[in-house]
Amino acid sequence: MKKALVLGASGGMGYCIVKELLSRGVEVTAFARTKDKLEKLFGDEPNVTIFTGDIFQGSDLEKAAKDVDVIFQSANIPYPEWEEKLVLLMENILTAAIREGAKLAVVDNIYAYGRSKGVNMKETAPKEPHTKKGKIRLQIENIIKESGARALIAHFPDFYGPNAENTILHYTLKSIVANKKAGFVGDQTIAREYIYTPDGAKAIVNLAYEEKAYGQNWNIPAYGVITGQELIGTIREITGYQKGVSTISKNMIRFLGFFNGNMREVVEMFYLNEEPVVLDGGKYEELLGAVPRTPFREGLRQTIQYMKENA
């Protein structure tokens, strides 16, 4: 891989994919809507070409994808726009990939799996989504597979890490870093997966280099599972934070949904805080060896340090 295009490069996973590619000597086109943020993140990187564009404009995508070997799709849009726009977004990306002869590596979540089956989820597990957003993600997956593009799909749990601002843990961390009273979404006694974005970026870039990975789905697990209480305890040890951390319940989010459209959409996915889906990384390990896994203490330390430096 000599040149890559990263869509959603200003987001949490996109930022780390750009950084991972640069560490391997790959020339990167960083694509997002906001020029100022791209310049802040990558303005000093000589091997990065900043491309400000609209992902819903096929001409922008095709121009950005010219001469690239792999397109990394990590762009996302707000929940309320999924039903109307997410299929169009993916169709535009697939068209650009096919026309430019580029391979495609897709960052995906776990929504299409539906409810936890009580075991760590393998790629062979049936996808039985019971939510609107899960059904949309499965529709997108089927569109990718039927497109004829050389594509791989990587499923990740919730993110945390440098620049990962639109995440459930960032909601907690930003208050802690500001030394304000914080809230934690979901039952603090339930163990869940949260993947450190540099680990996820390394895993999907590893897959993108492997020809055998295309045409398949890949589950990328985190370091393990951890409860909210354990996370907060670790954060207290790292930072000395002493204020209380309240629990944000489903009913509280439902109430906020009366005033905020995005919160209305969050309620549907709250089941993941109560019945966590945990991923099995055995398939990845058979092909490429150990899944990149940073211990929570170190990942949280580096994330908090990044947040303080970029406050």
C-alpha atoms as a PDB file:
ATOM      1  CA  MET A   1       0.000   0.000   0.000  1.00  0.00           C
ATOM      2  CA  LYS A   2       1.543   3.269  -1.143  1.00  0.00           C
ATOM      3  CA  LYS A   3      -1.399   5.653  -0.938  1.00  0.00           C
ATOM      4  CA  ALA A   4      -4.655   5.551   1.028  1.00  0.00           C
ATOM      5  CA  LEU A   5      -7.780   7.658   1.428  1.00  0.00           C
ATOM      6  CA  VAL A   6      -9.270   7.962   4.920  1.00  0.00           C
ATOM      7  CA  LEU A   7     -12.885   9.104   5.016  1.00  0.00           C
ATOM      8  CA  GLY A   8     -13.933  10.681   8.291  1.00  0.00           C
ATOM      9  CA  ALA A   9     -10.300  11.481   9.039  1.00  0.00           C
ATOM     10  CA  SER A  10     -11.207  14.105  11.647  1.00  0.00           C
ATOM     11  CA  GLY A  11     -13.097  11.566  13.791  1.00  0.00           C
ATOM     12  CA  GLY A  12     -11.773   9.298  16.505  1.00  0.00           C
ATOM     13  CA  MET A  13     -11.028   6.183  14.466  1.00  0.00           C
ATOM     14  CA  GLY A  14     -10.223   8.065  11.268  1.00  0.00           C
ATOM     15  CA  TYR A  15      -7.594  10.160  13.052  1.00  0.00           C
ATOM     16  CA  CYS A  16      -5.881   7.045  14.390  1.00  0.00           C
ATOM     17  CA  ILE A  17      -6.035   5.267  11.021  1.00  0.00           C
ATOM     18  CA  VAL A  18      -4.246   8.243   9.444  1.00  0.00           C
ATOM     19  CA  LYS A  19      -1.593   8.131  12.167  1.00  0.00           C
ATOM     20  CA  GLU A  20      -1.150   4.361  11.788  1.00  0.00           C
ATOM     21  CA  LEU A  21      -0.761   4.614   8.012  1.00  0.00           C
ATOM     22  CA  LEU A  22       1.780   7.430   8.361  1.00  0.00           C
ATOM     23  CA  SER A  23       3.821   5.289  10.760  1.00  0.00           C
ATOM     24  CA  ARG A  24       4.121   2.746   7.936  1.00  0.00           C
ATOM     25  CA  GLY A  25       5.229   5.266   5.319  1.00  0.00           C
ATOM     26  CA  VAL A  26       1.891   5.400   3.491  1.00  0.00           C
ATOM     27  CA  GLU A  27       0.873   8.618   1.755  1.00  0.00           C
ATOM     28  CA  VAL A  28      -2.575   9.622   3.052  1.00  0.00           C
ATOM     29  CA  THR A  29      -5.437  11.744   1.761  1.00  0.00           C
ATOM     30  CA  ALA A  30      -7.420  12.842   4.825  1.00  0.00           C
ATOM     31  CA  PHE A  31     -11.052  13.524   3.872  1.00  0.00           C
ATOM     32  CA  ALA A  32     -13.633  15.309   6.023  1.00  0.00           C
ATOM     33  CA  ARG A  33     -16.101  18.191   5.882  1.00  0.00           C
ATOM     34  CA  THR A  34     -14.248  20.673   8.093  1.00  0.00           C
ATOM     35  CA  LYS A  35     -10.966  22.079   6.837  1.00  0.00           C
ATOM     36  CA  ASP A  36     -10.010  23.778  10.109  1.00  0.00           C
ATOM     37  CA  LYS A  37     -10.124  20.536  12.089  1.00  0.00           C
ATOM     38  CA  LEU A  38      -8.184  18.618   9.431  1.00  0.00           C
ATOM     39  CA  GLU A  39      -5.501  21.300   9.425  1.00  0.00           C
ATOM     40  CA  LYS A  40      -5.303  21.249  13.223  1.00  0.00           C
ATOM     41  CA  LEU A  41      -4.885  17.465  13.258  1.00  0.00           C
ATOM     42  CA  PHE A  42      -2.648  16.971  10.214  1.00  0.00           C
ATOM     43  CA  GLY A  43      -1.376  20.365   9.069  1.00  0.00           C
ATOM     44  CA  ASP A  44       2.178  19.528  10.117  1.00  0.00           C
ATOM     45  CA  GLU A  45       2.232  16.094   8.454  1.00  0.00           C
ATOM     46  CA  PRO A  46       4.163  16.218   5.145  1.00  0.00           C
ATOM     47  CA  ASN A  47       2.684  12.913   3.904  1.00  0.00           C
ATOM     48  CA  VAL A  48      -0.935  14.005   4.408  1.00  0.00           C
ATOM     49  CA  THR A  49      -3.022  15.690   1.723  1.00  0.00           C
ATOM     50  CA  ILE A  50      -5.998  17.457   3.287  1.00  0.00           C
ATOM     51  CA  PHE A  51      -9.184  17.108   1.256  1.00  0.00           C
ATOM     52  CA  THR A  52     -12.290  18.985   2.342  1.00  0.00           C
ATOM     53  CA  GLY A  53     -15.336  17.506   0.674  1.00  0.00           C
ATOM     54  CA  ASP A  54     -18.911  16.310   0.856  1.00  0.00           C
ATOM     55  CA  ILE A  55     -19.269  12.549   1.157  1.00  0.00           C
ATOM     56  CA  PHE A  56     -22.686  12.824  -0.496  1.00  0.00           C
ATOM     57  CA  GLN A  57     -21.088  14.270  -3.643  1.00  0.00           C
ATOM     58  CA  GLY A  58     -19.769  11.430  -5.791  1.00  0.00           C
ATOM     59  CA  SER A  59     -17.460  13.778  -7.664  1.00  0.00           C
ATOM     60  CA  ASP A  60     -15.715  14.785  -4.424  1.00  0.00           C
ATOM     61  CA  LEU A  61     -15.158  11.150  -3.472  1.00  0.00           C
ATOM     62  CA  GLU A  62     -13.858  10.145  -6.878  1.00  0.00           C
ATOM     63  CA  LYS A  63     -11.451  13.076  -6.954  1.00  0.00           C
ATOM     64  CA  ALA A  64     -10.161  12.208  -3.488  1.00  0.00           C
ATOM     65  CA  ALA A  65      -9.849   8.502  -4.366  1.00  0.00           C
ATOM     66  CA  LYS A  66      -7.773   9.005  -7.498  1.00  0.00           C
ATOM     67  CA  ASP A  67      -4.678   6.766  -7.508  1.00  0.00           C
ATOM     68  CA  VAL A  68      -5.227   5.398  -3.985  1.00  0.00           C
ATOM     69  CA  ASP A  69      -4.749   1.718  -3.199  1.00  0.00           C
ATOM     70  CA  VAL A  70      -7.194   1.480  -0.278  1.00  0.00           C
ATOM     71  CA  ILE A  71     -10.119   3.576   0.942  1.00  0.00           C
ATOM     72  CA  PHE A  72     -10.714   3.434   4.698  1.00  0.00           C
ATOM     73  CA  GLN A  73     -14.336   4.256   5.463  1.00  0.00           C
ATOM     74  CA  SER A  74     -14.643   5.658   8.984  1.00  0.00           C
ATOM     75  CA  ALA A  75     -17.046   8.518   8.279  1.00  0.00           C
ATOM     76  CA  ASN A  76     -20.361   8.657  10.078  1.00  0.00           C
ATOM     77  CA  ILE A  77     -23.426  10.870  10.244  1.00  0.00           C
ATOM     78  CA  PRO A  78     -25.816  11.705  13.124  1.00  0.00           C
ATOM     79  CA  TYR A  79     -28.321   9.012  14.113  1.00  0.00           C
ATOM     80  CA  PRO A  80     -31.386  10.986  12.931  1.00  0.00           C
ATOM     81  CA  GLU A  81     -29.971  10.983   9.379  1.00  0.00           C
ATOM     82  CA  TRP A  82     -29.234   7.255   9.153  1.00  0.00           C
ATOM     83  CA  GLU A  83     -32.544   6.110   7.692  1.00  0.00           C
ATOM     84  CA  GLU A  84     -32.531   8.690   4.924  1.00  0.00           C
ATOM     85  CA  LYS A  85     -28.837   9.049   4.107  1.00  0.00           C
ATOM     86  CA  LEU A  86     -26.651   6.137   5.245  1.00  0.00           C
ATOM     87  CA  VAL A  87     -27.367   3.932   2.216  1.00  0.00           C
ATOM     88  CA  LEU A  88     -26.582   6.827  -0.145  1.00  0.00           C
ATOM     89  CA  LEU A  89     -23.336   7.478   1.728  1.00  0.00           C
ATOM     90  CA  MET A  90     -22.178   3.897   1.254  1.00  0.00           C
ATOM     91  CA  GLU A  91     -23.314   3.691  -2.368  1.00  0.00           C
ATOM     92  CA  ASN A  92     -21.245   6.796  -3.167  1.00  0.00           C
ATOM     93  CA  ILE A  93     -18.195   5.279  -1.500  1.00  0.00           C
ATOM     94  CA  LEU A  94     -18.615   1.973  -3.331  1.00  0.00           C
ATOM     95  CA  THR A  95     -19.000   3.763  -6.670  1.00  0.00           C
ATOM     96  CA  ALA A  96     -15.783   5.709  -6.081  1.00  0.00           C
ATOM     97  CA  ALA A  97     -13.891   2.579  -5.001  1.00  0.00           C
ATOM     98  CA  ILE A  98     -14.987   0.573  -8.041  1.00  0.00           C
ATOM     99  CA  ARG A  99     -14.364   3.376 -10.554  1.00  0.00           C
ATOM    100  CA  GLU A 100     -10.908   4.137  -9.163  1.00  0.00           C
ATOM    101  CA  GLY A 101      -9.968   0.461  -8.703  1.00  0.00           C
ATOM    102  CA  ALA A 102      -9.363   0.877  -4.963  1.00  0.00           C
ATOM    103  CA  LYS A 103      -9.917  -1.671  -2.220  1.00  0.00           C
ATOM    104  CA  LEU A 104     -12.221  -0.741   0.650  1.00  0.00           C
ATOM    105  CA  ALA A 105     -11.795  -1.261   4.412  1.00  0.00           C
ATOM    106  CA  VAL A 106     -14.953  -0.429   6.378  1.00  0.00           C
ATOM    107  CA  VAL A 107     -15.102   0.529  10.052  1.00  0.00           C
ATOM    108  CA  ASP A 108     -18.363  -0.889  11.406  1.00  0.00           C
ATOM    109  CA  ASN A 109     -20.019  -1.270  14.785  1.00  0.00           C
ATOM    110  CA  ILE A 110     -21.803  -4.243  16.425  1.00  0.00           C
ATOM    111  CA  TYR A 111     -25.402  -3.156  15.868  1.00  0.00           C
ATOM    112  CA  ALA A 112     -26.141  -5.706  13.131  1.00  0.00           C
ATOM    113  CA  TYR A 113     -25.549  -8.612  15.530  1.00  0.00           C
ATOM    114  CA  GLY A 114     -28.590  -7.686  17.594  1.00  0.00           C
ATOM    115  CA  ARG A 115     -28.878  -8.982  21.128  1.00  0.00           C
ATOM    116  CA  SER A 116     -26.063 -10.830  22.859  1.00  0.00           C
ATOM    117  CA  LYS A 117     -26.300 -14.598  22.564  1.00  0.00           C
ATOM    118  CA  GLY A 118     -24.528 -15.063  25.899  1.00  0.00           C
ATOM    119  CA  VAL A 119     -21.189 -15.950  24.313  1.00  0.00           C
ATOM    120  CA  ASN A 120     -18.397 -13.985  22.677  1.00  0.00           C
ATOM    121  CA  MET A 121     -19.642 -13.186  19.188  1.00  0.00           C
ATOM    122  CA  LYS A 122     -17.904 -14.861  16.247  1.00  0.00           C
ATOM    123  CA  GLU A 123     -18.214 -13.709  12.638  1.00  0.00           C
ATOM    124  CA  THR A 124     -20.321 -16.813  11.945  1.00  0.00           C
ATOM    125  CA  ALA A 125     -22.990 -15.752  14.472  1.00  0.00           C
ATOM    126  CA  PRO A 126     -26.338 -15.019  12.819  1.00  0.00           C
ATOM    127  CA  LYS A 127     -27.040 -11.319  12.417  1.00  0.00           C
ATOM    128  CA  GLU A 128     -30.503 -10.777  13.859  1.00  0.00           C
ATOM    129  CA  PRO A 129     -30.839  -7.042  14.519  1.00  0.00           C
ATOM    130  CA  HIS A 130     -33.955  -6.017  16.439  1.00  0.00           C
ATOM    131  CA  THR A 131     -33.357  -2.248  16.248  1.00  0.00           C
ATOM    132  CA  LYS A 132     -33.920   0.143  13.366  1.00  0.00           C
ATOM    133  CA  LYS A 133     -30.263   1.127  13.350  1.00  0.00           C
ATOM    134  CA  GLY A 134     -29.111  -2.491  13.497  1.00  0.00           C
ATOM    135  CA  LYS A 135     -31.262  -3.317  10.471  1.00  0.00           C
ATOM    136  CA  ILE A 136     -29.797  -0.352   8.583  1.00  0.00           C
ATOM    137  CA  ARG A 137     -26.257  -1.536   9.371  1.00  0.00           C
ATOM    138  CA  LEU A 138     -27.100  -5.024   8.098  1.00  0.00           C
ATOM    139  CA  GLN A 139     -28.579  -3.489   4.944  1.00  0.00           C
ATOM    140  CA  ILE A 140     -25.340  -1.557   4.421  1.00  0.00           C
ATOM    141  CA  GLU A 141     -23.299  -4.729   4.913  1.00  0.00           C
ATOM    142  CA  ASN A 142     -25.352  -6.563   2.289  1.00  0.00           C
ATOM    143  CA  ILE A 143     -24.985  -3.668  -0.160  1.00  0.00           C
ATOM    144  CA  ILE A 144     -21.203  -3.827   0.261  1.00  0.00           C
ATOM    145  CA  LYS A 145     -21.111  -7.577  -0.315  1.00  0.00           C
ATOM    146  CA  GLU A 146     -23.327  -7.394  -3.395  1.00  0.00           C
ATOM    147  CA  SER A 147     -21.474  -4.432  -4.951  1.00  0.00           C
ATOM    148  CA  GLY A 148     -18.555  -6.319  -6.459  1.00  0.00           C
ATOM    149  CA  ALA A 149     -16.070  -4.059  -4.640  1.00  0.00           C
ATOM    150  CA  ARG A 150     -13.012  -5.624  -2.995  1.00  0.00           C
ATOM    151  CA  ALA A 151     -14.036  -4.832   0.541  1.00  0.00           C
ATOM    152  CA  LEU A 152     -13.520  -5.969   4.112  1.00  0.00           C
ATOM    153  CA  ILE A 153     -15.740  -5.079   7.063  1.00  0.00           C
ATOM    154  CA  ALA A 154     -14.305  -4.745  10.568  1.00  0.00           C
ATOM    155  CA  HIS A 155     -16.698  -4.796  13.529  1.00  0.00           C
ATOM    156  CA  PHE A 156     -15.614  -2.856  16.622  1.00  0.00           C
ATOM    157  CA  PRO A 157     -17.084  -2.286  20.091  1.00  0.00           C
ATOM    158  CA  ASP A 158     -17.448   1.250  21.460  1.00  0.00           C
ATOM    159  CA  PHE A 159     -14.387   3.466  21.035  1.00  0.00           C
ATOM    160  CA  TYR A 160     -12.280   5.541  23.361  1.00  0.00           C
ATOM    161  CA  GLY A 161      -8.978   7.226  22.617  1.00  0.00           C
ATOM    162  CA  PRO A 162      -7.291  10.381  21.271  1.00  0.00           C
ATOM    163  CA  ASN A 163      -9.724  12.661  19.426  1.00  0.00           C
ATOM    164  CA  ALA A 164     -12.602  10.158  19.945  1.00  0.00           C
ATOM    165  CA  GLU A 165     -15.124  12.803  20.984  1.00  0.00           C
ATOM    166  CA  ASN A 166     -18.416  11.300  19.799  1.00  0.00           C
ATOM    167  CA  THR A 167     -18.247   8.309  22.118  1.00  0.00           C
ATOM    168  CA  ILE A 168     -20.009   7.142  25.230  1.00  0.00           C
ATOM    169  CA  LEU A 169     -16.826   7.214  27.337  1.00  0.00           C
ATOM    170  CA  HIS A 170     -15.842  10.679  26.144  1.00  0.00           C
ATOM    171  CA  TYR A 171     -19.020  11.952  27.789  1.00  0.00           C
ATOM    172  CA  THR A 172     -17.606  10.759  31.120  1.00  0.00           C
ATOM    173  CA  LEU A 173     -13.966  11.658  30.491  1.00  0.00           C
ATOM    174  CA  LYS A 174     -14.541  15.268  29.409  1.00  0.00           C
ATOM    175  CA  SER A 175     -16.156  16.115  32.756  1.00  0.00           C
ATOM    176  CA  ILE A 176     -13.417  14.326  34.686  1.00  0.00           C
ATOM    177  CA  VAL A 177     -10.657  16.126  32.774  1.00  0.00           C
ATOM    178  CA  ALA A 178     -12.432  19.428  33.555  1.00  0.00           C
ATOM    179  CA  ASN A 179     -12.667  18.318  37.226  1.00  0.00           C
ATOM    180  CA  LYS A 180     -16.459  18.575  37.147  1.00  0.00           C
ATOM    181  CA  LYS A 181     -19.046  16.125  38.456  1.00  0.00           C
ATOM    182  CA  ALA A 182     -19.322  13.387  35.830  1.00  0.00           C
ATOM    183  CA  GLY A 183     -21.956  10.976  34.570  1.00  0.00           C
ATOM    184  CA  PHE A 184     -21.550   7.422  33.307  1.00  0.00           C
ATOM    185  CA  VAL A 185     -24.037   6.020  30.788  1.00  0.00           C
ATOM    186  CA  GLY A 186     -25.487   2.685  31.910  1.00  0.00           C
ATOM    187  CA  ASP A 187     -25.237   0.387  34.911  1.00  0.00           C
ATOM    188  CA  GLN A 188     -21.774   0.787  36.419  1.00  0.00           C
ATOM    189  CA  THR A 189     -21.678  -2.851  37.555  1.00  0.00           C
ATOM    190  CA  ILE A 190     -22.035  -4.382  34.046  1.00  0.00           C
ATOM    191  CA  ALA A 191     -18.806  -5.307  32.239  1.00  0.00           C
ATOM    192  CA  ARG A 192     -18.531  -4.007  28.655  1.00  0.00           C
ATOM    193  CA  GLU A 193     -15.994  -3.712  25.837  1.00  0.00           C
ATOM    194  CA  TYR A 194     -14.362  -0.418  24.890  1.00  0.00           C
ATOM    195  CA  ILE A 195     -11.622  -0.487  22.270  1.00  0.00           C
ATOM    196  CA  TYR A 196      -8.704   1.934  22.319  1.00  0.00           C
ATOM    197  CA  THR A 197      -8.768   3.575  18.896  1.00  0.00           C
ATOM    198  CA  PRO A 198      -5.025   3.215  18.126  1.00  0.00           C
ATOM    199  CA  ASP A 199      -5.485  -0.556  18.639  1.00  0.00           C
ATOM    200  CA  GLY A 200      -8.483  -0.600  16.324  1.00  0.00           C
ATOM    201  CA  ALA A 201      -6.615   1.419  13.700  1.00  0.00           C
ATOM    202  CA  LYS A 202      -3.647  -0.943  13.816  1.00  0.00           C
ATOM    203  CA  ALA A 203      -5.970  -3.946  13.427  1.00  0.00           C
ATOM    204  CA  ILE A 204      -7.870  -2.636  10.401  1.00  0.00           C
ATOM    205  CA  VAL A 205      -4.658  -1.452   8.693  1.00  0.00           C
ATOM    206  CA  ASN A 206      -3.148  -4.904   9.269  1.00  0.00           C
ATOM    207  CA  LEU A 207      -6.206  -6.432   7.597  1.00  0.00           C
ATOM    208  CA  ALA A 208      -6.026  -3.978   4.686  1.00  0.00           C
ATOM    209  CA  TYR A 209      -2.534  -5.215   3.843  1.00  0.00           C
ATOM    210  CA  GLU A 210      -3.729  -8.835   3.712  1.00  0.00           C
ATOM    211  CA  GLU A 211      -5.324  -9.861   0.413  1.00  0.00           C
ATOM    212  CA  LYS A 212      -7.073 -12.806   2.084  1.00  0.00           C
ATOM    213  CA  ALA A 213      -8.969 -10.419   4.358  1.00  0.00           C
ATOM    214  CA  TYR A 214     -11.106  -8.964   1.567  1.00  0.00           C
ATOM    215  CA  GLY A 215     -14.592 -10.286   0.970  1.00  0.00           C
ATOM    216  CA  GLN A 216     -14.955 -11.072   4.683  1.00  0.00           C
ATOM    217  CA  ASN A 217     -16.119  -9.718   8.024  1.00  0.00           C
ATOM    218  CA  TRP A 218     -13.713  -9.384  10.952  1.00  0.00           C
ATOM    219  CA  ASN A 219     -14.460  -8.931  14.652  1.00  0.00           C
ATOM    220  CA  ILE A 220     -11.926  -6.787  16.518  1.00  0.00           C
ATOM    221  CA  PRO A 221     -12.273  -7.156  20.297  1.00  0.00           C
ATOM    222  CA  ALA A 222     -10.955  -4.809  22.961  1.00  0.00           C
ATOM    223  CA  TYR A 223      -8.411  -5.562  25.691  1.00  0.00           C
ATOM    224  CA  GLY A 224     -11.218  -7.308  27.550  1.00  0.00           C
ATOM    225  CA  VAL A 225     -14.352  -6.277  29.408  1.00  0.00           C
ATOM    226  CA  ILE A 226     -14.485  -3.797  32.255  1.00  0.00           C
ATOM    227  CA  THR A 227     -17.235  -2.407  34.478  1.00  0.00           C
ATOM    228  CA  GLY A 228     -17.970   1.267  34.894  1.00  0.00           C
ATOM    229  CA  GLN A 229     -16.891   1.022  38.515  1.00  0.00           C
ATOM    230  CA  GLU A 230     -13.528  -0.436  37.460  1.00  0.00           C
ATOM    231  CA  LEU A 231     -13.068   2.223  34.783  1.00  0.00           C
ATOM    232  CA  ILE A 232     -13.822   5.053  37.164  1.00  0.00           C
ATOM    233  CA  GLY A 233     -11.553   3.546  39.824  1.00  0.00           C
ATOM    234  CA  THR A 234      -8.710   3.370  37.307  1.00  0.00           C
ATOM    235  CA  ILE A 235      -9.338   6.948  36.189  1.00  0.00           C
ATOM    236  CA  ARG A 236      -9.272   8.126  39.797  1.00  0.00           C
ATOM    237  CA  GLU A 237      -5.886   6.454  40.275  1.00  0.00           C
ATOM    238  CA  ILE A 238      -4.521   8.067  37.109  1.00  0.00           C
ATOM    239  CA  THR A 239      -5.869  11.578  37.727  1.00  0.00           C
ATOM    240  CA  GLY A 240      -6.601  11.931  41.435  1.00  0.00           C
ATOM    241  CA  TYR A 241     -10.203  12.818  40.526  1.00  0.00           C
ATOM    242  CA  GLN A 242     -12.383  12.773  43.645  1.00  0.00           C
ATOM    243  CA  LYS A 243     -15.821  14.005  42.588  1.00  0.00           C
ATOM    244  CA  GLY A 244     -18.845  11.741  42.299  1.00  0.00           C
ATOM    245  CA  VAL A 245     -19.846   9.960  39.087  1.00  0.00           C
ATOM    246  CA  SER A 246     -23.598   9.528  38.682  1.00  0.00           C
ATOM    247  CA  THR A 247     -25.338   6.884  36.574  1.00  0.00           C
ATOM    248  CA  ILE A 248     -27.185   8.016  33.448  1.00  0.00           C
ATOM    249  CA  SER A 249     -30.161   5.676  33.087  1.00  0.00           C
ATOM    250  CA  LYS A 250     -32.302   4.804  30.101  1.00  0.00           C
ATOM    251  CA  ASN A 251     -35.194   6.797  31.528  1.00  0.00           C
ATOM    252  CA  MET A 252     -33.003   9.874  31.840  1.00  0.00           C
ATOM    253  CA  ILE A 253     -31.975   9.591  28.181  1.00  0.00           C
ATOM    254  CA  ARG A 254     -35.595   8.986  27.203  1.00  0.00           C
ATOM    255  CA  PHE A 255     -36.557  12.197  28.995  1.00  0.00           C
ATOM    256  CA  LEU A 256     -33.829  14.135  27.198  1.00  0.00           C
ATOM    257  CA  GLY A 257     -35.221  12.732  23.957  1.00  0.00           C
ATOM    258  CA  PHE A 258     -38.278  14.951  24.329  1.00  0.00           C
ATOM    259  CA  PHE A 259     -35.994  17.912  23.673  1.00  0.00           C
ATOM    260  CA  ASN A 260     -33.188  16.432  21.559  1.00  0.00           C
ATOM    261  CA  GLY A 261     -33.628  14.324  18.416  1.00  0.00           C
ATOM    262  CA  ASN A 262     -30.269  12.611  18.780  1.00  0.00           C
ATOM    263  CA  MET A 263     -31.100  11.529  22.338  1.00  0.00           C
ATOM    264  CA  ARG A 264     -34.346  10.011  21.064  1.00  0.00           C
ATOM    265  CA  GLU A 265     -32.266   7.822  18.771  1.00  0.00           C
ATOM    266  CA  VAL A 266     -29.811   6.872  21.541  1.00  0.00           C
ATOM    267  CA  VAL A 267     -32.604   5.253  23.587  1.00  0.00           C
ATOM    268  CA  GLU A 268     -33.006   2.477  21.010  1.00  0.00           C
ATOM    269  CA  MET A 269     -29.388   1.372  21.432  1.00  0.00           C
ATOM    270  CA  PHE A 270     -29.355   1.509  25.225  1.00  0.00           C
ATOM    271  CA  TYR A 271     -29.763  -2.277  25.358  1.00  0.00           C
ATOM    272  CA  LEU A 272     -26.013  -2.515  24.650  1.00  0.00           C
ATOM    273  CA  ASN A 273     -25.391  -1.063  28.117  1.00  0.00           C
ATOM    274  CA  GLU A 274     -27.571  -3.771  29.666  1.00  0.00           C
ATOM    275  CA  GLU A 275     -26.812  -6.803  27.465  1.00  0.00           C
ATOM    276  CA  PRO A 276     -23.288  -6.145  26.155  1.00  0.00           C
ATOM    277  CA  VAL A 277     -22.180  -7.760  22.907  1.00  0.00           C
ATOM    278  CA  VAL A 278     -18.611  -9.023  23.345  1.00  0.00           C
ATOM    279  CA  LEU A 279     -16.545  -9.871  20.262  1.00  0.00           C
ATOM    280  CA  ASP A 280     -14.400 -12.956  19.600  1.00  0.00           C
ATOM    281  CA  GLY A 281     -11.087 -12.200  17.866  1.00  0.00           C
ATOM    282  CA  GLY A 282     -10.124 -15.790  17.045  1.00  0.00           C
ATOM    283  CA  LYS A 283     -10.551 -15.408  13.290  1.00  0.00           C
ATOM    284  CA  TYR A 284      -8.264 -12.365  13.175  1.00  0.00           C
ATOM    285  CA  GLU A 285      -5.658 -14.162  15.284  1.00  0.00           C
ATOM    286  CA  GLU A 286      -5.650 -17.188  12.997  1.00  0.00           C
ATOM    287  CA  LEU A 287      -4.760 -14.960  10.050  1.00  0.00           C
ATOM    288  CA  LEU A 288      -2.563 -12.259  11.563  1.00  0.00           C
ATOM    289  CA  GLY A 289      -1.615 -13.199  15.107  1.00  0.00           C
ATOM    290  CA  ALA A 290      -2.537 -11.367  18.294  1.00  0.00           C
ATOM    291  CA  VAL A 291      -5.156  -8.635  18.132  1.00  0.00           C
ATOM    292  CA  PRO A 292      -3.590  -5.286  19.165  1.00  0.00           C
ATOM    293  CA  ARG A 293      -4.623  -4.775  22.793  1.00  0.00           C
ATOM    294  CA  THR A 294      -3.562  -1.913  25.056  1.00  0.00           C
ATOM    295  CA  PRO A 295      -4.405  -2.375  28.772  1.00  0.00           C
ATOM    296  CA  PHE A 296      -7.187  -0.063  29.930  1.00  0.00           C
ATOM    297  CA  ARG A 297      -4.953   1.775  32.391  1.00  0.00           C
ATOM    298  CA  GLU A 298      -2.481   2.755  29.660  1.00  0.00           C
ATOM    299  CA  GLY A 299      -5.152   3.537  27.088  1.00  0.00           C
ATOM    300  CA  LEU A 300      -7.028   5.743  29.530  1.00  0.00           C
ATOM    301  CA  ARG A 301      -3.802   7.461  30.616  1.00  0.00           C
ATOM    302  CA  GLN A 302      -2.888   8.342  27.046  1.00  0.00           C
ATOM    303  CA  THR A 303      -6.445   9.421  26.195  1.00  0.00           C
ATOM    304  CA  ILE A 304      -6.645  11.716  29.217  1.00  0.00           C
ATOM    305  CA  GLN A 305      -3.209  13.149  28.432  1.00  0.00           C
ATOM    306  CA  TYR A 306      -4.322  13.891  24.846  1.00  0.00           C
ATOM    307  CA  MET A 307      -7.514  15.561  26.101  1.00  0.00           C
ATOM    308  CA  LYS A 308      -5.582  17.779  28.518  1.00  0.00           C
ATOM    309  CA  GLU A 309      -3.061  18.784  25.854  1.00  0.00           C
ATOM    310  CA  ASN A 310      -5.807  19.614  23.363  1.00  0.00           C
ATOM    311  CA  ALA A 311      -8.337  21.216  25.701  1.00  0.00           C
END
